[in-house]
Amino acid sequence: GDETRAAALATFASIGPHRTSMAVDVAAGRPTEI
């Protein structure tokens, strides 16, 4: 759990101003993978 949380947060911090595919799908009115 600790490693997964730290790795996820580090990855998110490295991505920057990127929109996730789910955010794009919601904005476009398309089905998502929820």
All heavy atoms as atom14 arrays in JSON, in Angstrom:
{
  "sequence": "GDETRAAALATFASIGPHRTSMAVDVAAGRPTEI",
  "atom14_mask": [
    [1, 1, 1, 1, 0, 0, 0, 0, 0, 0, 0, 0, 0, 0],
    [1, 1, 1, 1, 1, 1, 1, 1, 0, 0, 0, 0, 0, 0],
    [1, 1, 1, 1, 1, 1, 1, 1, 1, 0, 0, 0, 0, 0],
    [1, 1, 1, 1, 1, 1, 1, 0, 0, 0, 0, 0, 0, 0],
    [1, 1, 1, 1, 1, 1, 1, 1, 1, 1, 1, 0, 0, 0],
    [1, 1, 1, 1, 1, 0, 0, 0, 0, 0, 0, 0, 0, 0],
    [1, 1, 1, 1, 1, 0, 0, 0, 0, 0, 0, 0, 0, 0],
    [1, 1, 1, 1, 1, 0, 0, 0, 0, 0, 0, 0, 0, 0],
    [1, 1, 1, 1, 1, 1, 1, 1, 0, 0, 0, 0, 0, 0],
    [1, 1, 1, 1, 1, 0, 0, 0, 0, 0, 0, 0, 0, 0],
    [1, 1, 1, 1, 1, 1, 1, 0, 0, 0, 0, 0, 0, 0],
    [1, 1, 1, 1, 1, 1, 1, 1, 1, 1, 1, 0, 0, 0],
    [1, 1, 1, 1, 1, 0, 0, 0, 0, 0, 0, 0, 0, 0],
    [1, 1, 1, 1, 1, 1, 0, 0, 0, 0, 0, 0, 0, 0],
    [1, 1, 1, 1, 1, 1, 1, 1, 0, 0, 0, 0, 0, 0],
    [1, 1, 1, 1, 0, 0, 0, 0, 0, 0, 0, 0, 0, 0],
    [1, 1, 1, 1, 1, 1, 1, 0, 0, 0, 0, 0, 0, 0],
    [1, 1, 1, 1, 1, 1, 1, 1, 1, 1, 0, 0, 0, 0],
    [1, 1, 1, 1, 1, 1, 1, 1, 1, 1, 1, 0, 0, 0],
    [1, 1, 1, 1, 1, 1, 1, 0, 0, 0, 0, 0, 0, 0],
    [1, 1, 1, 1, 1, 1, 0, 0, 0, 0, 0, 0, 0, 0],
    [1, 1, 1, 1, 1, 1, 1, 1, 0, 0, 0, 0, 0, 0],
    [1, 1, 1, 1, 1, 0, 0, 0, 0, 0, 0, 0, 0, 0],
    [1, 1, 1, 1, 1, 1, 1, 0, 0, 0, 0, 0, 0, 0],
    [1, 1, 1, 1, 1, 1, 1, 1, 0, 0, 0, 0, 0, 0],
    [1, 1, 1, 1, 1, 1, 1, 0, 0, 0, 0, 0, 0, 0],
    [1, 1, 1, 1, 1, 0, 0, 0, 0, 0, 0, 0, 0, 0],
    [1, 1, 1, 1, 1, 0, 0, 0, 0, 0, 0, 0, 0, 0],
    [1, 1, 1, 1, 0, 0, 0, 0, 0, 0, 0, 0, 0, 0],
    [1, 1, 1, 1, 1, 1, 1, 1, 1, 1, 1, 0, 0, 0],
    [1, 1, 1, 1, 1, 1, 1, 0, 0, 0, 0, 0, 0, 0],
    [1, 1, 1, 1, 1, 1, 1, 0, 0, 0, 0, 0, 0, 0],
    [1, 1, 1, 1, 1, 1, 1, 1, 1, 0, 0, 0, 0, 0],
    [1, 1, 1, 1, 1, 1, 1, 1, 0, 0, 0, 0, 0, 0]
  ],
  "atom14_positions": [
    [[0.79, -1.21, 0.0], [0.0, 0.0, 0.0], [0.83, 1.27, 0.0], [0.57, 2.2, -0.78], [0.0, 0.0, 0.0], [0.0, 0.0, 0.0], [0.0, 0.0, 0.0], [0.0, 0.0, 0.0], [0.0, 0.0, 0.0], [0.0, 0.0, 0.0], [0.0, 0.0, 0.0], [0.0, 0.0, 0.0], [0.0, 0.0, 0.0], [0.0, 0.0, 0.0]],
    [[1.84, 1.35, 0.85], [2.66, 2.56, 0.93], [3.42, 2.8, -0.37], [3.49, 3.93, -0.87], [3.65, 2.46, 2.1], [2.96, 2.5, 3.46], [1.81, 3.01, 3.53], [3.56, 2.03, 4.44], [0.0, 0.0, 0.0], [0.0, 0.0, 0.0], [0.0, 0.0, 0.0], [0.0, 0.0, 0.0], [0.0, 0.0, 0.0], [0.0, 0.0, 0.0]],
    [[3.99, 1.72, -0.93], [4.74, 1.86, -2.18], [3.8, 2.25, -3.31], [4.15, 3.11, -4.15], [5.45, 0.54, -2.51], [6.37, 0.61, -3.73], [5.65, 0.47, -5.06], [4.57, -0.17, -5.1], [6.16, 1.03, -6.07], [0.0, 0.0, 0.0], [0.0, 0.0, 0.0], [0.0, 0.0, 0.0], [0.0, 0.0, 0.0], [0.0, 0.0, 0.0]],
    [[2.62, 1.65, -3.37], [1.68, 1.95, -4.44], [1.23, 3.4, -4.37], [1.2, 4.1, -5.39], [0.45, 1.02, -4.33], [0.88, -0.34, -4.48], [-0.57, 1.34, -5.41], [0.0, 0.0, 0.0], [0.0, 0.0, 0.0], [0.0, 0.0, 0.0], [0.0, 0.0, 0.0], [0.0, 0.0, 0.0], [0.0, 0.0, 0.0], [0.0, 0.0, 0.0]],
    [[0.9, 3.88, -3.17], [0.47, 5.27, -3.02], [1.59, 6.23, -3.42], [1.36, 7.19, -4.17], [0.02, 5.55, -1.59], [-0.62, 6.93, -1.41], [-0.87, 7.28, 0.04], [-1.41, 6.18, 0.81], [-0.7, 5.47, 1.7], [0.58, 5.74, 1.91], [-1.26, 4.5, 2.37], [0.0, 0.0, 0.0], [0.0, 0.0, 0.0], [0.0, 0.0, 0.0]],
    [[2.81, 5.98, -2.94], [3.93, 6.86, -3.25], [4.23, 6.86, -4.75], [4.49, 7.92, -5.35], [5.16, 6.44, -2.46], [0.0, 0.0, 0.0], [0.0, 0.0, 0.0], [0.0, 0.0, 0.0], [0.0, 0.0, 0.0], [0.0, 0.0, 0.0], [0.0, 0.0, 0.0], [0.0, 0.0, 0.0], [0.0, 0.0, 0.0], [0.0, 0.0, 0.0]],
    [[4.19, 5.69, -5.36], [4.48, 5.6, -6.79], [3.41, 6.3, -7.62], [3.72, 6.97, -8.61], [4.6, 4.13, -7.21], [0.0, 0.0, 0.0], [0.0, 0.0, 0.0], [0.0, 0.0, 0.0], [0.0, 0.0, 0.0], [0.0, 0.0, 0.0], [0.0, 0.0, 0.0], [0.0, 0.0, 0.0], [0.0, 0.0, 0.0], [0.0, 0.0, 0.0]],
    [[2.16, 6.13, -7.22], [1.06, 6.78, -7.94], [1.19, 8.3, -7.87], [1.1, 9.0, -8.89], [-0.28, 6.33, -7.38], [0.0, 0.0, 0.0], [0.0, 0.0, 0.0], [0.0, 0.0, 0.0], [0.0, 0.0, 0.0], [0.0, 0.0, 0.0], [0.0, 0.0, 0.0], [0.0, 0.0, 0.0], [0.0, 0.0, 0.0], [0.0, 0.0, 0.0]],
    [[1.44, 8.82, -6.67], [1.56, 10.27, -6.51], [2.76, 10.82, -7.27], [2.69, 11.9, -7.87], [1.66, 10.62, -5.03], [0.39, 10.33, -4.21], [0.66, 10.53, -2.72], [-0.78, 11.18, -4.66], [0.0, 0.0, 0.0], [0.0, 0.0, 0.0], [0.0, 0.0, 0.0], [0.0, 0.0, 0.0], [0.0, 0.0, 0.0], [0.0, 0.0, 0.0]],
    [[3.87, 10.08, -7.27], [5.04, 10.52, -8.02], [4.75, 10.53, -9.52], [5.17, 11.45, -10.25], [6.22, 9.61, -7.72], [0.0, 0.0, 0.0], [0.0, 0.0, 0.0], [0.0, 0.0, 0.0], [0.0, 0.0, 0.0], [0.0, 0.0, 0.0], [0.0, 0.0, 0.0], [0.0, 0.0, 0.0], [0.0, 0.0, 0.0], [0.0, 0.0, 0.0]],
    [[4.03, 9.52, -9.98], [3.66, 9.47, -11.4], [2.76, 10.63, -11.76], [2.97, 11.31, -12.78], [2.96, 8.14, -11.72], [3.86, 7.06, -11.46], [2.52, 8.09, -13.18], [0.0, 0.0, 0.0], [0.0, 0.0, 0.0], [0.0, 0.0, 0.0], [0.0, 0.0, 0.0], [0.0, 0.0, 0.0], [0.0, 0.0, 0.0], [0.0, 0.0, 0.0]],
    [[1.76, 10.9, -10.93], [0.85, 12.01, -11.22], [1.62, 13.34, -11.26], [1.37, 14.18, -12.12], [-0.25, 12.1, -10.15], [-1.11, 10.87, -10.02], [-1.69, 10.53, -8.8], [-1.33, 10.05, -11.11], [-2.48, 9.41, -8.67], [-2.12, 8.9, -10.99], [-2.69, 8.59, -9.77], [0.0, 0.0, 0.0], [0.0, 0.0, 0.0], [0.0, 0.0, 0.0]],
    [[2.56, 13.51, -10.35], [3.33, 14.75, -10.3], [4.18, 14.94, -11.55], [4.47, 16.08, -11.96], [4.22, 14.77, -9.06], [0.0, 0.0, 0.0], [0.0, 0.0, 0.0], [0.0, 0.0, 0.0], [0.0, 0.0, 0.0], [0.0, 0.0, 0.0], [0.0, 0.0, 0.0], [0.0, 0.0, 0.0], [0.0, 0.0, 0.0], [0.0, 0.0, 0.0]],
    [[4.57, 13.83, -12.18], [5.43, 13.91, -13.36], [4.64, 14.14, -14.65], [5.22, 14.5, -15.68], [6.25, 12.63, -13.51], [5.42, 11.53, -13.9], [0.0, 0.0, 0.0], [0.0, 0.0, 0.0], [0.0, 0.0, 0.0], [0.0, 0.0, 0.0], [0.0, 0.0, 0.0], [0.0, 0.0, 0.0], [0.0, 0.0, 0.0], [0.0, 0.0, 0.0]],
    [[3.33, 13.93, -14.6], [2.52, 13.99, -15.82], [2.21, 15.42, -16.24], [2.24, 15.77, -17.42], [1.22, 13.19, -15.63], [1.55, 11.69, -15.6], [0.24, 13.47, -16.76], [0.36, 10.81, -15.28], [0.0, 0.0, 0.0], [0.0, 0.0, 0.0], [0.0, 0.0, 0.0], [0.0, 0.0, 0.0], [0.0, 0.0, 0.0], [0.0, 0.0, 0.0]],
    [[1.88, 16.26, -15.28], [1.63, 17.66, -15.59], [0.24, 17.93, -16.15], [-0.73, 17.26, -15.8], [0.0, 0.0, 0.0], [0.0, 0.0, 0.0], [0.0, 0.0, 0.0], [0.0, 0.0, 0.0], [0.0, 0.0, 0.0], [0.0, 0.0, 0.0], [0.0, 0.0, 0.0], [0.0, 0.0, 0.0], [0.0, 0.0, 0.0], [0.0, 0.0, 0.0]],
    [[0.12, 18.89, -17.08], [-1.19, 19.34, -17.57], [-1.79, 18.4, -18.62], [-2.06, 18.81, -19.75], [-0.89, 20.72, -18.14], [0.52, 20.61, -18.62], [1.22, 19.71, -17.62], [0.0, 0.0, 0.0], [0.0, 0.0, 0.0], [0.0, 0.0, 0.0], [0.0, 0.0, 0.0], [0.0, 0.0, 0.0], [0.0, 0.0, 0.0], [0.0, 0.0, 0.0]],
    [[-1.99, 17.18, -18.25], [-2.54, 16.16, -19.15], [-3.94, 15.8, -18.7], [-4.2, 15.66, -17.5], [-1.64, 14.91, -19.12], [-2.24, 13.73, -19.84], [-2.26, 13.63, -21.21], [-2.83, 12.6, -19.37], [-2.83, 12.49, -21.56], [-3.19, 11.86, -20.47], [0.0, 0.0, 0.0], [0.0, 0.0, 0.0], [0.0, 0.0, 0.0], [0.0, 0.0, 0.0]],
    [[-4.87, 15.65, -19.62], [-6.23, 15.25, -19.3], [-6.34, 13.73, -19.42], [-5.92, 13.15, -20.42], [-7.23, 15.92, -20.24], [-7.24, 17.43, -20.16], [-8.23, 18.02, -21.13], [-9.6, 17.79, -20.7], [-10.66, 17.82, -21.51], [-10.49, 18.02, -22.81], [-11.87, 17.63, -21.04], [0.0, 0.0, 0.0], [0.0, 0.0, 0.0], [0.0, 0.0, 0.0]],
    [[-6.9, 13.1, -18.41], [-7.07, 11.65, -18.47], [-8.12, 11.3, -19.52], [-8.98, 12.12, -19.87], [-7.53, 11.09, -17.11], [-8.84, 11.59, -16.81], [-6.56, 11.49, -16.0], [0.0, 0.0, 0.0], [0.0, 0.0, 0.0], [0.0, 0.0, 0.0], [0.0, 0.0, 0.0], [0.0, 0.0, 0.0], [0.0, 0.0, 0.0], [0.0, 0.0, 0.0]],
    [[-8.05, 10.07, -20.02], [-9.02, 9.66, -21.04], [-10.44, 9.68, -20.49], [-11.39, 9.97, -21.22], [-8.67, 8.26, -21.57], [-8.7, 7.3, -20.53], [0.0, 0.0, 0.0], [0.0, 0.0, 0.0], [0.0, 0.0, 0.0], [0.0, 0.0, 0.0], [0.0, 0.0, 0.0], [0.0, 0.0, 0.0], [0.0, 0.0, 0.0], [0.0, 0.0, 0.0]],
    [[-10.62, 9.39, -19.19], [-11.96, 9.43, -18.62], [-12.48, 10.86, -18.58], [-13.67, 11.1, -18.86], [-11.98, 8.82, -17.22], [-13.38, 8.72, -16.63], [-13.47, 7.83, -15.06], [-13.23, 6.14, -15.61], [0.0, 0.0, 0.0], [0.0, 0.0, 0.0], [0.0, 0.0, 0.0], [0.0, 0.0, 0.0], [0.0, 0.0, 0.0], [0.0, 0.0, 0.0]],
    [[-11.64, 11.82, -18.25], [-12.06, 13.22, -18.27], [-12.45, 13.65, -19.68], [-13.45, 14.36, -19.87], [-10.95, 14.11, -17.73], [0.0, 0.0, 0.0], [0.0, 0.0, 0.0], [0.0, 0.0, 0.0], [0.0, 0.0, 0.0], [0.0, 0.0, 0.0], [0.0, 0.0, 0.0], [0.0, 0.0, 0.0], [0.0, 0.0, 0.0], [0.0, 0.0, 0.0]],
    [[-11.69, 13.21, -20.66], [-12.0, 13.52, -22.06], [-13.32, 12.88, -22.45], [-14.18, 13.51, -23.1], [-10.86, 13.06, -22.99], [-11.26, 13.21, -24.45], [-9.59, 13.85, -22.7], [0.0, 0.0, 0.0], [0.0, 0.0, 0.0], [0.0, 0.0, 0.0], [0.0, 0.0, 0.0], [0.0, 0.0, 0.0], [0.0, 0.0, 0.0], [0.0, 0.0, 0.0]],
    [[-13.53, 11.62, -22.06], [-14.76, 10.91, -22.41], [-15.99, 11.57, -21.78], [-17.03, 11.72, -22.42], [-14.67, 9.44, -21.99], [-13.73, 8.63, -22.85], [-13.44, 9.07, -23.98], [-13.27, 7.57, -22.4], [0.0, 0.0, 0.0], [0.0, 0.0, 0.0], [0.0, 0.0, 0.0], [0.0, 0.0, 0.0], [0.0, 0.0, 0.0], [0.0, 0.0, 0.0]],
    [[-15.88, 11.95, -20.51], [-17.01, 12.6, -19.83], [-17.34, 13.92, -20.52], [-18.51, 14.23, -20.78], [-16.69, 12.81, -18.33], [-17.67, 13.8, -17.71], [-16.77, 11.48, -17.59], [0.0, 0.0, 0.0], [0.0, 0.0, 0.0], [0.0, 0.0, 0.0], [0.0, 0.0, 0.0], [0.0, 0.0, 0.0], [0.0, 0.0, 0.0], [0.0, 0.0, 0.0]],
    [[-16.32, 14.7, -20.82], [-16.55, 15.99, -21.46], [-17.19, 15.84, -22.83], [-17.98, 16.69, -23.27], [-15.24, 16.76, -21.58], [0.0, 0.0, 0.0], [0.0, 0.0, 0.0], [0.0, 0.0, 0.0], [0.0, 0.0, 0.0], [0.0, 0.0, 0.0], [0.0, 0.0, 0.0], [0.0, 0.0, 0.0], [0.0, 0.0, 0.0], [0.0, 0.0, 0.0]],
    [[-16.87, 14.73, -23.51], [-17.4, 14.49, -24.86], [-18.73, 13.75, -24.86], [-19.3, 13.49, -25.92], [-16.37, 13.72, -25.68], [0.0, 0.0, 0.0], [0.0, 0.0, 0.0], [0.0, 0.0, 0.0], [0.0, 0.0, 0.0], [0.0, 0.0, 0.0], [0.0, 0.0, 0.0], [0.0, 0.0, 0.0], [0.0, 0.0, 0.0], [0.0, 0.0, 0.0]],
    [[-19.22, 13.39, -23.66], [-20.48, 12.66, -23.59], [-20.37, 11.21, -24.01], [-21.37, 10.61, -24.43], [0.0, 0.0, 0.0], [0.0, 0.0, 0.0], [0.0, 0.0, 0.0], [0.0, 0.0, 0.0], [0.0, 0.0, 0.0], [0.0, 0.0, 0.0], [0.0, 0.0, 0.0], [0.0, 0.0, 0.0], [0.0, 0.0, 0.0], [0.0, 0.0, 0.0]],
    [[-19.17, 10.64, -23.91], [-18.98, 9.23, -24.28], [-19.02, 8.33, -23.05], [-18.78, 8.8, -21.92], [-17.63, 9.05, -24.99], [-17.53, 9.74, -26.33], [-16.29, 9.28, -27.09], [-15.07, 9.72, -26.44], [-14.35, 10.77, -26.82], [-14.74, 11.5, -27.85], [-13.23, 11.09, -26.19], [0.0, 0.0, 0.0], [0.0, 0.0, 0.0], [0.0, 0.0, 0.0]],
    [[-19.29, 7.04, -23.23], [-19.24, 6.11, -22.09], [-17.84, 6.05, -21.49], [-16.85, 6.28, -22.19], [-19.61, 4.76, -22.73], [-20.3, 5.09, -24.0], [-19.69, 6.38, -24.48], [0.0, 0.0, 0.0], [0.0, 0.0, 0.0], [0.0, 0.0, 0.0], [0.0, 0.0, 0.0], [0.0, 0.0, 0.0], [0.0, 0.0, 0.0], [0.0, 0.0, 0.0]],
    [[-17.76, 5.74, -20.21], [-16.47, 5.64, -19.53], [-16.27, 4.21, -19.03], [-17.14, 3.36, -19.16], [-16.4, 6.6, -18.33], [-17.21, 6.07, -17.26], [-16.86, 7.99, -18.69], [0.0, 0.0, 0.0], [0.0, 0.0, 0.0], [0.0, 0.0, 0.0], [0.0, 0.0, 0.0], [0.0, 0.0, 0.0], [0.0, 0.0, 0.0], [0.0, 0.0, 0.0]],
    [[-15.1, 3.99, -18.41], [-14.76, 2.68, -17.86], [-15.05, 2.6, -16.36], [-14.47, 1.78, -15.66], [-13.28, 2.39, -18.13], [-12.94, 2.34, -19.6], [-11.47, 2.07, -19.86], [-10.65, 2.95, -19.55], [-11.15, 0.98, -20.38], [0.0, 0.0, 0.0], [0.0, 0.0, 0.0], [0.0, 0.0, 0.0], [0.0, 0.0, 0.0], [0.0, 0.0, 0.0]],
    [[-15.96, 3.42, -15.88], [-16.2, 3.49, -14.44], [-16.69, 2.17, -13.86], [-16.43, 1.85, -12.69], [-17.18, 4.65, -14.1], [-17.07, 5.03, -12.63], [-18.6, 4.29, -14.51], [-15.72, 5.58, -12.23], [0.0, 0.0, 0.0], [0.0, 0.0, 0.0], [0.0, 0.0, 0.0], [0.0, 0.0, 0.0], [0.0, 0.0, 0.0], [0.0, 0.0, 0.0]]
  ]
}
